[in-house]
Structures are given as C-alpha cells and as structure tokens.
C-alpha cells in the first residue's frame, strides 16, 4: 500500500495554484477542492454553480475542465516530490466527487514526465489571436499526440482536406450559436468588462479580435457591443493547424481522461513555444458532434485544439481557493 507524505500549507497552496491554472470552458472554473489531511488526499469536486445549461447541458465540458485541473494537480504533485495516485469517480454515492489524488511517497523516483511540465503550467494560456501560419514541426506535433495517448485519449492531426471539414463543422456550430438568443446571452454573461473585479469569466481584453476573412470560426463571446466598446478586426491564418481530441468511449470517466489529455497536450505545446486555443462549438450540437466523428469507429470527439505560432493574447483571471478540510471522525 502506498503511503502519503505530510502536506503543509505551502505545499497545498502550490498544488491548488497549479490546479486552478487549468483551462475551463468560458473560464467558469467549475471545480472545488478538499483535503483529507489524514490520508494526504486531495478531493476534486464539480461546482454545480458554475455550469452552462445551454452550451453544456450534459456537463461534458465541465468534466473536461475538471480533468484539466486534475492533470495540473498531478504535475504540481510530481514537481513537489510526490507520486500522485488518481482515482476517477471514486464514490458512486458522491456524484460530485469527480476525482481523488493521493499524494503518495514515490517508490522508484518522481515521475519525471509530469514534473518536467511544471514550468509550463503558469505560462500556458489560450491565445485567440491570429497565428502566423508557420507549420509546427512534425516532432513537436508527435509529442503532443503522445501526450494525449499517455492519458488514454487520441489526438488526430488531419491534413488540409480534413482540417477544412472540421473547421466547416465548427463554423456551422458557431453560426447556430450566434442565431440562438439564449446561447448568445449565456456566453456574453461570462465576458467581463474592463475594470471588473471578478476572478471568473473572460475579460474583454482576452476575447481576441473579430475574424474578418471567414477563415477561422472563433467563438463570438460578445455579440453586438454597447456604444464605446469595440474589438479589432483581423484576418486569421490561411492554413490552420488543428487537432481533434477524442476517446473511444463516452462515459463520465472518459470525459475526465480527455480533460487530462487536453491539458497534457497543451502543456507540451507550451514547452515548445506553441500557442493554442480551443474550438468547441461543433461539440455543442449533437448532430455536428456526430459529423465530426465521421467514419471513425467508436469515436467520441470532445474538441479541436488550434495550434501554431503567434502572439500570446490576453490572460484570464483565476480565483484563489482554499481547500475544505474533511472532518476527522471521532
């Protein structure tokens, strides 16, 4: 049986700082953390107050977001000298408890593959800016594919015809979203105006420019803007590079694995100076999601990763979290 190591306040802060740096849909940060100090276990729960009923009615994107936070937690734990042992959906009687991470003493050294990604955790963030179109080298793409595979998921990088097809389906999802008043209002509710003091949502400065060339179906978070507020309009790269993240099954635990695969992929990209952004719109409509899977057998697609070289883009805030301690039974 693996033994835990003591967890002091400084270590807890480092672990949670890394966990909350994970990407989440609309920067909702839909997670909660607890600490069982007696066993050295971090508990990761879904926060049902931070859901998107129209965009994400089945909470699949929420699970992806929480899975990304679990991966960052594992990276920070490995960097701190622990061997993070993860259990997904550990208690059927607690449906909001999505994962536990035991901070175990390593038996044969720290897992170097995870620990080496630690410096990228704080640097990784979404860039909704145009990329240059310069191809990412095959060796780096191969590392990204291997990162997803290490977490039990698949990352397919199509050629030009396949990329165009995926972008067309994403564009169809974006067009439907824009035409749906409820979904438009839901997205806009998570955009924060300049000077707004909130740790959640996407600041207007991080939304990115409007796309003018019809090449890249970036999400329109804002809709028509009030007088006095404008976004720049720019052309995006002509030859995009995208990758489809998918799993062979479509259960809740698969969503959590896909979230971990996503974040590991994004961290590997960050290590190599590659910018990334997420295209999720086609996954928000069942028929378009099925079309994304296409002729692949047992393919449950989760999102597209757009990647390339270009400017950083604006950063999004994070909420400071203090884990709830589990009461010790008498």
Protein backbone atom coordinates (compact mmCIF):
# COMPACT_ATOMS: atom_id res chain seq x y z
CA UNK A 1 0.00 0.00 0.00
CA UNK A 2 1.37 3.41 -0.96
CA UNK A 3 1.99 5.80 1.90
CA UNK A 4 1.26 9.51 1.81
CA UNK A 5 3.69 12.24 2.80
CA UNK A 6 2.82 15.19 5.06
CA UNK A 7 1.20 18.15 3.29
CA UNK A 8 1.88 21.57 4.78
CA UNK A 9 0.15 24.87 3.97
CA UNK A 10 2.84 25.93 1.50
CA UNK A 11 2.51 22.69 -0.41
CA UNK A 12 -1.28 22.97 -0.51
CA UNK A 13 -1.02 26.48 -1.93
CA UNK A 14 1.38 25.31 -4.64
CA UNK A 15 -0.86 22.40 -5.58
CA UNK A 16 -4.02 24.48 -5.84
CA UNK A 17 -2.31 27.34 -7.66
CA UNK A 18 -1.35 24.86 -10.34
CA UNK A 19 -4.74 23.16 -10.40
CA UNK A 20 -6.73 26.36 -10.94
CA UNK A 21 -4.41 27.46 -13.75
CA UNK A 22 -6.12 24.85 -15.93
CA UNK A 23 -8.33 25.95 -18.83
CA UNK A 24 -12.09 25.73 -18.42
CA UNK A 25 -14.98 26.45 -20.73
CA UNK A 26 -15.71 30.21 -20.64
CA UNK A 27 -13.25 30.33 -17.70
CA UNK A 28 -16.05 29.14 -15.42
CA UNK A 29 -13.52 27.30 -13.21
CA UNK A 30 -16.19 24.72 -12.29
CA UNK A 31 -14.26 22.91 -9.57
CA UNK A 32 -13.94 22.67 -5.80
CA UNK A 33 -11.14 21.12 -3.78
CA UNK A 34 -10.95 19.41 -0.44
CA UNK A 35 -8.08 17.96 1.55
CA UNK A 36 -8.17 14.86 3.70
CA UNK A 37 -5.06 15.59 5.76
CA UNK A 38 -5.17 12.21 7.48
CA UNK A 39 -4.58 10.34 4.21
CA UNK A 40 -2.82 13.05 2.16
CA UNK A 41 -5.58 13.02 -0.43
CA UNK A 42 -6.85 15.96 -2.47
CA UNK A 43 -10.52 15.66 -3.40
CA UNK A 44 -11.70 17.30 -6.62
CA UNK A 45 -15.41 18.05 -6.96
CA UNK A 46 -17.63 19.62 -9.59
CA UNK A 47 -19.04 23.02 -8.73
CA UNK A 48 -22.62 22.94 -9.98
CA UNK A 49 -22.96 26.70 -9.51
CA UNK A 50 -20.64 27.22 -12.49
CA UNK A 51 -22.41 25.38 -15.27
CA UNK A 52 -23.62 26.36 -18.73
CA UNK A 53 -27.12 24.88 -19.07
CA UNK A 54 -27.50 25.63 -22.77
CA UNK A 55 -23.94 25.25 -24.02
CA UNK A 56 -23.12 22.24 -21.85
CA UNK A 57 -26.38 20.55 -20.78
CA UNK A 58 -24.76 17.19 -20.03
CA UNK A 59 -21.77 18.73 -18.18
CA UNK A 60 -19.30 17.09 -20.54
CA UNK A 61 -17.30 20.30 -20.96
CA UNK A 62 -17.34 20.75 -17.20
CA UNK A 63 -15.80 17.32 -16.78
CA UNK A 64 -13.16 18.18 -19.38
CA UNK A 65 -12.35 21.32 -17.40
CA UNK A 66 -12.10 19.44 -14.11
CA UNK A 67 -9.95 16.79 -15.77
CA UNK A 68 -7.53 19.52 -16.89
CA UNK A 69 -7.32 20.74 -13.29
CA UNK A 70 -6.57 17.17 -12.14
CA UNK A 71 -3.68 16.96 -14.61
CA UNK A 72 -2.20 20.21 -13.32
CA UNK A 73 -2.58 18.93 -9.77
CA UNK A 74 -0.66 15.80 -10.75
CA UNK A 75 2.09 17.88 -12.38
CA UNK A 76 2.48 20.04 -9.27
CA UNK A 77 2.49 16.98 -7.04
CA UNK A 78 5.19 15.31 -9.11
CA UNK A 79 7.23 18.53 -9.06
CA UNK A 80 6.88 18.60 -5.27
CA UNK A 81 8.23 15.09 -4.92
CA UNK A 82 5.02 13.10 -4.61
CA UNK A 83 3.72 10.26 -6.72
CA UNK A 84 0.14 11.38 -7.49
CA UNK A 85 -2.22 8.42 -7.50
CA UNK A 86 -5.55 9.30 -9.14
CA UNK A 87 -8.93 7.65 -8.76
CA UNK A 88 -11.70 8.85 -11.04
CA UNK A 89 -15.31 8.85 -9.81
CA UNK A 90 -14.24 7.06 -6.62
CA UNK A 91 -17.60 7.04 -4.80
CA UNK A 92 -20.91 6.33 -6.57
CA UNK A 93 -22.74 7.84 -3.59
CA UNK A 94 -21.00 11.20 -4.13
CA UNK A 95 -21.66 12.11 -7.77
CA UNK A 96 -19.95 15.49 -7.45
CA UNK A 97 -16.70 13.87 -6.28
CA UNK A 98 -15.02 13.51 -9.64
CA UNK A 99 -11.52 12.51 -8.58
CA UNK A 100 -9.17 11.96 -5.67
CA UNK A 101 -5.41 12.44 -5.84
CA UNK A 102 -3.37 10.61 -3.22
CA UNK A 103 -0.07 12.38 -2.59
CA UNK A 104 1.96 9.22 -2.17
CA UNK A 105 5.64 8.87 -1.44
CA UNK A 106 7.27 7.70 -4.67
CA UNK A 107 8.55 4.14 -4.66
CA UNK A 108 11.02 4.45 -7.53
CA UNK A 109 11.60 8.16 -8.01
CA UNK A 110 9.43 11.07 -9.04
CA UNK A 111 7.52 10.66 -12.34
CA UNK A 112 9.81 12.85 -14.44
CA UNK A 113 7.45 13.11 -17.41
CA UNK A 114 4.90 15.03 -15.39
CA UNK A 115 7.36 17.02 -13.29
CA UNK A 116 9.08 18.34 -16.41
CA UNK A 117 5.87 20.12 -17.41
CA UNK A 118 5.63 22.16 -14.21
CA UNK A 119 7.16 25.37 -15.56
CA UNK A 120 4.62 25.35 -18.40
CA UNK A 121 1.61 25.33 -16.06
CA UNK A 122 1.85 29.03 -15.24
CA UNK A 123 2.80 30.04 -18.79
CA UNK A 124 0.05 28.15 -20.62
CA UNK A 125 -2.95 30.20 -21.63
CA UNK A 126 -5.34 30.46 -24.54
CA UNK A 127 -4.45 32.70 -27.46
CA UNK A 128 -7.43 33.82 -29.52
CA UNK A 129 -5.16 35.89 -31.75
CA UNK A 130 -4.28 35.16 -35.39
CA UNK A 131 -1.34 32.79 -35.83
CA UNK A 132 1.39 33.22 -38.42
CA UNK A 133 0.59 30.08 -40.39
CA UNK A 134 4.17 28.77 -39.95
CA UNK A 135 3.84 25.00 -39.55
CA UNK A 136 4.62 23.43 -36.20
CA UNK A 137 7.37 20.82 -36.78
CA UNK A 138 6.31 17.19 -37.00
CA UNK A 139 8.44 16.25 -33.99
CA UNK A 140 6.54 18.66 -31.74
CA UNK A 141 3.19 17.50 -33.12
CA UNK A 142 4.24 13.93 -32.39
CA UNK A 143 4.98 14.89 -28.77
CA UNK A 144 1.51 16.42 -28.47
CA UNK A 145 -0.08 13.27 -29.87
CA UNK A 146 1.94 11.14 -27.44
CA UNK A 147 0.88 13.35 -24.53
CA UNK A 148 -2.80 12.70 -25.26
CA UNK A 149 -2.16 8.99 -25.69
CA UNK A 150 -0.40 8.85 -22.31
CA UNK A 151 -3.71 9.93 -20.71
CA UNK A 152 -5.85 7.39 -22.56
CA UNK A 153 -7.11 9.65 -25.35
CA UNK A 154 -6.43 10.19 -29.04
CA UNK A 155 -5.25 13.32 -30.84
CA UNK A 156 -5.68 13.24 -34.61
CA UNK A 157 -4.00 15.87 -36.78
CA UNK A 158 -5.70 15.85 -40.19
CA UNK A 159 -4.36 17.03 -43.49
CA UNK A 160 -5.69 20.05 -45.37
CA UNK A 161 -9.00 18.47 -46.55
CA UNK A 162 -9.72 17.06 -43.09
CA UNK A 163 -8.86 20.37 -41.43
CA UNK A 164 -11.22 22.25 -43.74
CA UNK A 165 -14.00 19.78 -42.97
CA UNK A 166 -13.56 20.15 -39.20
CA UNK A 167 -13.48 23.93 -39.48
CA UNK A 168 -16.65 23.92 -41.59
CA UNK A 169 -18.44 21.91 -38.91
CA UNK A 170 -17.11 24.24 -36.23
CA UNK A 171 -18.30 27.21 -38.28
CA UNK A 172 -21.76 25.65 -38.53
CA UNK A 173 -21.85 25.30 -34.75
CA UNK A 174 -20.74 28.90 -34.31
CA UNK A 175 -23.42 30.12 -36.72
CA UNK A 176 -26.10 28.25 -34.78
CA UNK A 177 -24.84 29.66 -31.51
CA UNK A 178 -24.95 33.21 -32.85
CA UNK A 179 -28.52 32.70 -34.04
CA UNK A 180 -29.65 31.33 -30.66
CA UNK A 181 -30.53 34.19 -28.29
CA UNK A 182 -30.25 32.03 -25.19
CA UNK A 183 -26.80 30.72 -26.03
CA UNK A 184 -25.61 34.17 -27.05
CA UNK A 185 -26.76 35.57 -23.72
CA UNK A 186 -25.14 32.69 -21.83
CA UNK A 187 -21.75 33.29 -23.44
CA UNK A 188 -21.96 37.04 -23.00
CA UNK A 189 -22.74 36.61 -19.29
CA UNK A 190 -19.21 35.26 -18.84
CA UNK A 191 -17.48 38.21 -20.52
CA UNK A 192 -16.19 40.81 -18.10
CA UNK A 193 -15.81 44.48 -18.97
CA UNK A 194 -12.57 46.38 -18.33
CA UNK A 195 -12.16 47.25 -14.68
CA UNK A 196 -14.47 44.48 -13.48
CA UNK A 197 -13.12 42.88 -10.34
CA UNK A 198 -14.06 39.23 -10.78
CA UNK A 199 -11.83 36.15 -10.91
CA UNK A 200 -14.16 34.29 -13.30
CA UNK A 201 -15.10 34.65 -16.94
CA UNK A 202 -13.24 36.01 -19.96
CA UNK A 203 -12.07 39.65 -19.82
CA UNK A 204 -12.87 41.65 -22.92
CA UNK A 205 -9.12 42.05 -23.38
CA UNK A 206 -8.77 38.25 -23.73
CA UNK A 207 -11.69 37.69 -26.10
CA UNK A 208 -9.47 38.36 -29.11
CA UNK A 209 -10.18 40.21 -32.36
CA UNK A 210 -13.11 39.63 -34.64
CA UNK A 211 -12.25 37.42 -37.62
CA UNK A 212 -12.82 39.21 -40.92
CA UNK A 213 -11.75 36.70 -43.57
CA UNK A 214 -14.19 33.88 -42.90
CA UNK A 215 -11.28 31.51 -42.37
CA UNK A 216 -11.38 30.72 -38.67
CA UNK A 217 -14.63 30.09 -36.74
CA UNK A 218 -13.57 31.74 -33.49
CA UNK A 219 -16.26 31.99 -30.82
CA UNK A 220 -18.13 35.29 -30.68
CA UNK A 221 -18.40 35.86 -26.95
CA UNK A 222 -19.87 39.32 -27.09
CA UNK A 223 -22.44 39.70 -29.86
CA UNK A 224 -23.26 43.35 -30.61
CA UNK A 225 -21.21 45.52 -28.28
CA UNK A 226 -22.54 48.58 -26.42
CA UNK A 227 -21.54 52.01 -27.75
CA UNK A 228 -17.96 52.84 -26.86
CA UNK A 229 -16.73 49.25 -26.78
CA UNK A 230 -15.06 47.82 -29.88
CA UNK A 231 -12.91 44.86 -30.80
CA UNK A 232 -10.26 44.96 -33.53
CA UNK A 233 -10.97 43.06 -36.73
CA UNK A 234 -8.13 40.98 -38.17
CA UNK A 235 -7.58 38.24 -40.71
CA UNK A 236 -6.54 34.88 -39.30
CA UNK A 237 -4.11 32.34 -40.73
CA UNK A 238 -5.00 30.88 -44.10
CA UNK A 239 -3.55 27.45 -43.35
CA UNK A 240 -4.68 26.46 -39.88
CA UNK A 241 -3.34 23.57 -37.85
CA UNK A 242 -5.92 21.80 -35.72
CA UNK A 243 -6.08 18.52 -33.84
CA UNK A 244 -9.15 16.54 -32.85
CA UNK A 245 -9.19 15.18 -29.29
CA UNK A 246 -11.35 12.08 -28.85
CA UNK A 247 -11.83 8.96 -26.77
CA UNK A 248 -13.08 5.51 -27.69
CA UNK A 249 -15.98 5.69 -25.24
CA UNK A 250 -18.22 8.49 -24.00
CA UNK A 251 -18.64 7.90 -20.27
CA UNK A 252 -18.08 10.42 -17.49
CA UNK A 253 -14.69 8.91 -16.69
CA UNK A 254 -13.74 9.24 -20.36
CA UNK A 255 -14.54 12.94 -20.20
CA UNK A 256 -12.22 13.29 -17.22
CA UNK A 257 -9.47 11.40 -19.04
CA UNK A 258 -9.96 13.60 -22.09
CA UNK A 259 -9.57 16.70 -19.91
CA UNK A 260 -6.29 15.38 -18.56
CA UNK A 261 -5.16 14.54 -22.08
CA UNK A 262 -6.09 18.02 -23.25
CA UNK A 263 -4.06 19.76 -20.58
CA UNK A 264 -1.05 17.50 -21.00
CA UNK A 265 -1.14 18.24 -24.72
CA UNK A 266 -1.40 21.98 -24.12
CA UNK A 267 1.50 21.93 -21.65
CA UNK A 268 3.72 20.08 -24.12
CA UNK A 269 2.83 22.70 -26.74
CA UNK A 270 3.67 25.46 -24.27
CA UNK A 271 7.07 23.92 -23.51
CA UNK A 272 7.90 24.31 -27.21
CA UNK A 273 6.54 27.86 -27.53
CA UNK A 274 3.45 26.80 -29.47
CA UNK A 275 0.26 28.83 -28.90
CA UNK A 276 -3.08 27.10 -28.56
CA UNK A 277 -6.79 27.82 -28.46
CA UNK A 278 -9.86 25.61 -28.21
CA UNK A 279 -12.67 25.25 -30.76
CA UNK A 280 -15.65 23.61 -29.08
CA UNK A 281 -18.70 24.91 -30.94
CA UNK A 282 -19.40 21.81 -33.06
CA UNK A 283 -19.43 19.66 -29.92
CA UNK A 284 -22.32 21.71 -28.53
CA UNK A 285 -24.75 20.34 -31.16
CA UNK A 286 -25.32 16.54 -31.19
CA UNK A 287 -25.63 16.20 -34.96
CA UNK A 288 -22.49 18.23 -35.60
CA UNK A 289 -20.57 16.30 -32.96
CA UNK A 290 -21.59 13.07 -34.69
CA UNK A 291 -20.48 14.53 -38.03
CA UNK A 292 -17.09 15.40 -36.53
CA UNK A 293 -16.61 11.74 -35.62
CA UNK A 294 -17.35 10.86 -39.24
CA UNK A 295 -16.48 7.32 -40.23
CA UNK A 296 -14.21 6.67 -37.25
CA UNK A 297 -15.36 3.65 -35.27
CA UNK A 298 -16.03 4.15 -31.56
CA UNK A 299 -15.00 7.80 -31.73
CA UNK A 300 -16.35 10.26 -29.17
CA UNK A 301 -14.96 13.69 -30.13
CA UNK A 302 -14.50 16.33 -27.44
CA UNK A 303 -12.93 19.42 -29.02
CA UNK A 304 -10.48 20.82 -31.53
CA UNK A 305 -7.12 22.21 -30.49
CA UNK A 306 -5.98 25.01 -32.78
CA UNK A 307 -2.22 25.45 -32.55
CA UNK A 308 0.56 27.46 -34.12
CA UNK A 309 2.92 30.38 -33.63
CA UNK A 310 1.85 33.90 -32.83
CA UNK A 311 1.21 36.43 -30.06
CA UNK A 312 0.29 35.41 -26.55
CA UNK A 313 -3.13 37.00 -26.37
CA UNK A 314 -4.80 38.21 -23.19
CA UNK A 315 -4.78 36.25 -19.96
CA UNK A 316 -7.79 35.28 -17.90
CA UNK A 317 -8.00 35.59 -14.10
CA UNK A 318 -8.21 32.80 -11.56
CA UNK A 319 -9.99 32.57 -8.23
CA UNK A 320 -7.91 31.96 -5.13
CA UNK A 321 -9.04 28.74 -3.49
CA UNK A 322 -8.70 27.31 -0.03
CA UNK A 323 -9.46 23.58 0.22
CA UNK A 324 -12.08 22.40 2.62
CA UNK A 325 -10.64 20.05 5.19
CA UNK A 326 -12.55 16.84 5.69
CA UNK A 327 -13.75 16.50 9.27
CA UNK A 328 -11.97 13.79 11.18
CA UNK A 329 -14.42 11.22 12.56
CA UNK A 330 -14.30 10.62 16.31
